[in-house]
Amino acid sequence: MKQASTLTRRLAEAQELHAACALREAESAPLLFRLYTESFDNLRDYTQHYFKGATFLHGIGLWEGCTENVTIIEVVGTLDDLQNVVFLAGDIREANHQSSVLVTWQRLDGRLDVQS
């Protein structure tokens, strides 16, 4: 983009640099992915196919007015892991005849606070 003045060019370059840095930071920031699904015995096997580590949380959910046993699979990764999370959700949905597997993610601040 051609800028009319040196000041305007510098401002545009600074904005582009800031945007590039923010994108790099977002790509490497730790994320917590969660997959919500009905509980099945094969969830561990499917998850191990894509990830070396995960947490399985079990509970009771409500789907279309009926209660069911549910599992929430948590995986800590980066934006690079998103494709594998989507593949995992698709495999679970297909294999277990689910109408959907909900996937959410949130950015983590990268700090680890451990209390003993």
Protein backbone atom coordinates (compact mmCIF):
# COMPACT_ATOMS: atom_id res chain seq x y z
CA MET A 1 0.00 0.00 0.00
CA LYS A 2 1.46 3.40 -1.01
CA GLN A 3 1.46 5.94 1.82
CA ALA A 4 1.51 9.72 1.29
CA SER A 5 3.89 10.69 4.08
CA THR A 6 6.79 9.23 6.02
CA LEU A 7 4.82 9.42 9.26
CA THR A 8 1.87 7.56 7.73
CA ARG A 9 4.23 4.92 6.29
CA ARG A 10 5.88 4.42 9.70
CA LEU A 11 2.50 4.10 11.39
CA ALA A 12 1.35 1.53 8.82
CA GLU A 13 4.62 -0.44 9.21
CA ALA A 14 4.29 -0.39 13.01
CA GLN A 15 0.70 -1.67 12.76
CA GLU A 16 1.74 -4.45 10.38
CA LEU A 17 4.61 -5.44 12.69
CA HIS A 18 2.27 -5.47 15.70
CA ALA A 19 -0.24 -7.63 13.80
CA ALA A 20 2.48 -10.09 12.74
CA CYS A 21 3.77 -10.36 16.32
CA ALA A 22 0.24 -10.87 17.66
CA LEU A 23 -0.35 -13.64 15.11
CA ARG A 24 2.91 -15.41 16.04
CA GLU A 25 2.02 -15.11 19.72
CA ALA A 26 -1.47 -16.52 19.11
CA GLU A 27 -0.07 -19.46 17.14
CA SER A 28 2.29 -20.47 19.95
CA ALA A 29 0.05 -19.63 22.93
CA PRO A 30 -1.06 -22.64 24.96
CA LEU A 31 -4.71 -23.58 24.46
CA LEU A 32 -7.03 -25.83 26.41
CA PHE A 33 -9.22 -27.86 24.04
CA ARG A 34 -12.34 -29.59 25.35
CA LEU A 35 -14.40 -32.23 23.57
CA TYR A 36 -17.83 -33.03 25.02
CA THR A 37 -19.38 -36.39 24.15
CA GLU A 38 -21.42 -39.26 25.50
CA SER A 39 -19.28 -41.76 27.42
CA PHE A 40 -18.02 -44.76 25.44
CA ASP A 41 -15.28 -47.30 26.14
CA ASN A 42 -13.35 -46.38 22.97
CA LEU A 43 -12.65 -42.71 23.84
CA ARG A 44 -9.21 -43.41 25.30
CA ASP A 45 -8.12 -45.37 22.21
CA TYR A 46 -9.25 -42.66 19.80
CA THR A 47 -7.63 -39.93 21.89
CA GLN A 48 -4.31 -41.81 22.13
CA HIS A 49 -4.26 -42.03 18.35
CA TYR A 50 -3.89 -38.22 18.15
CA PHE A 51 -2.41 -37.11 21.49
CA LYS A 52 0.17 -38.35 24.00
CA GLY A 53 -1.67 -36.79 26.94
CA ALA A 54 -5.23 -35.87 27.84
CA THR A 55 -7.58 -35.68 30.80
CA PHE A 56 -10.95 -37.44 30.89
CA LEU A 57 -13.63 -35.90 33.08
CA HIS A 58 -16.82 -37.88 33.67
CA GLY A 59 -20.26 -36.59 34.57
CA ILE A 60 -23.92 -36.59 33.76
CA GLY A 61 -25.26 -34.47 30.94
CA LEU A 62 -28.61 -33.57 29.47
CA TRP A 63 -29.22 -34.11 25.76
CA GLU A 64 -32.61 -33.49 24.18
CA GLY A 65 -34.30 -33.78 27.56
CA CYS A 66 -32.65 -37.07 28.55
CA THR A 67 -29.76 -37.59 30.95
CA GLU A 68 -26.70 -39.50 29.81
CA ASN A 69 -23.22 -40.29 31.05
CA VAL A 70 -20.77 -37.85 29.46
CA THR A 71 -17.03 -37.50 29.09
CA ILE A 72 -15.14 -34.26 28.62
CA ILE A 73 -11.75 -34.79 27.03
CA GLU A 74 -9.24 -32.02 27.80
CA VAL A 75 -6.07 -31.57 25.76
CA VAL A 76 -3.51 -28.81 26.26
CA GLY A 77 -1.86 -27.81 23.01
CA THR A 78 -1.40 -24.96 20.55
CA LEU A 79 -3.23 -23.76 17.47
CA ASP A 80 -1.19 -26.35 15.54
CA ASP A 81 -3.18 -29.07 17.35
CA LEU A 82 -6.58 -27.77 16.25
CA GLN A 83 -6.73 -30.01 13.17
CA ASN A 84 -6.08 -33.14 15.27
CA VAL A 85 -8.77 -32.04 17.74
CA VAL A 86 -11.24 -31.72 14.86
CA PHE A 87 -10.20 -35.13 13.49
CA LEU A 88 -10.62 -36.68 16.96
CA ALA A 89 -14.10 -35.17 17.33
CA GLY A 90 -15.06 -36.48 13.90
CA ASP A 91 -13.77 -39.98 14.67
CA ILE A 92 -15.68 -40.07 17.96
CA ARG A 93 -18.87 -38.77 16.35
CA GLU A 94 -18.68 -41.27 13.51
CA ALA A 95 -17.66 -44.34 15.54
CA ASN A 96 -20.21 -43.77 18.30
CA HIS A 97 -23.07 -42.59 16.08
CA GLN A 98 -23.28 -39.20 17.81
CA SER A 99 -25.23 -36.35 16.27
CA SER A 100 -22.44 -34.02 17.45
CA VAL A 101 -19.28 -33.76 19.53
CA LEU A 102 -18.89 -30.26 20.95
CA VAL A 103 -15.38 -28.77 20.72
CA THR A 104 -14.34 -25.66 22.63
CA TRP A 105 -11.00 -24.05 23.33
CA GLN A 106 -9.63 -21.27 25.43
CA ARG A 107 -6.28 -19.55 25.61
CA LEU A 108 -4.18 -20.23 28.69
CA ASP A 109 -1.89 -17.58 30.11
CA GLY A 110 1.04 -20.00 30.18
CA ARG A 111 1.63 -19.84 33.93
CA LEU A 112 1.56 -22.99 35.97
CA ASP A 113 0.61 -22.51 39.61
CA VAL A 114 1.21 -25.58 41.71
CA GLN A 115 0.07 -25.81 45.32
CA SER A 116 0.94 -28.75 47.55
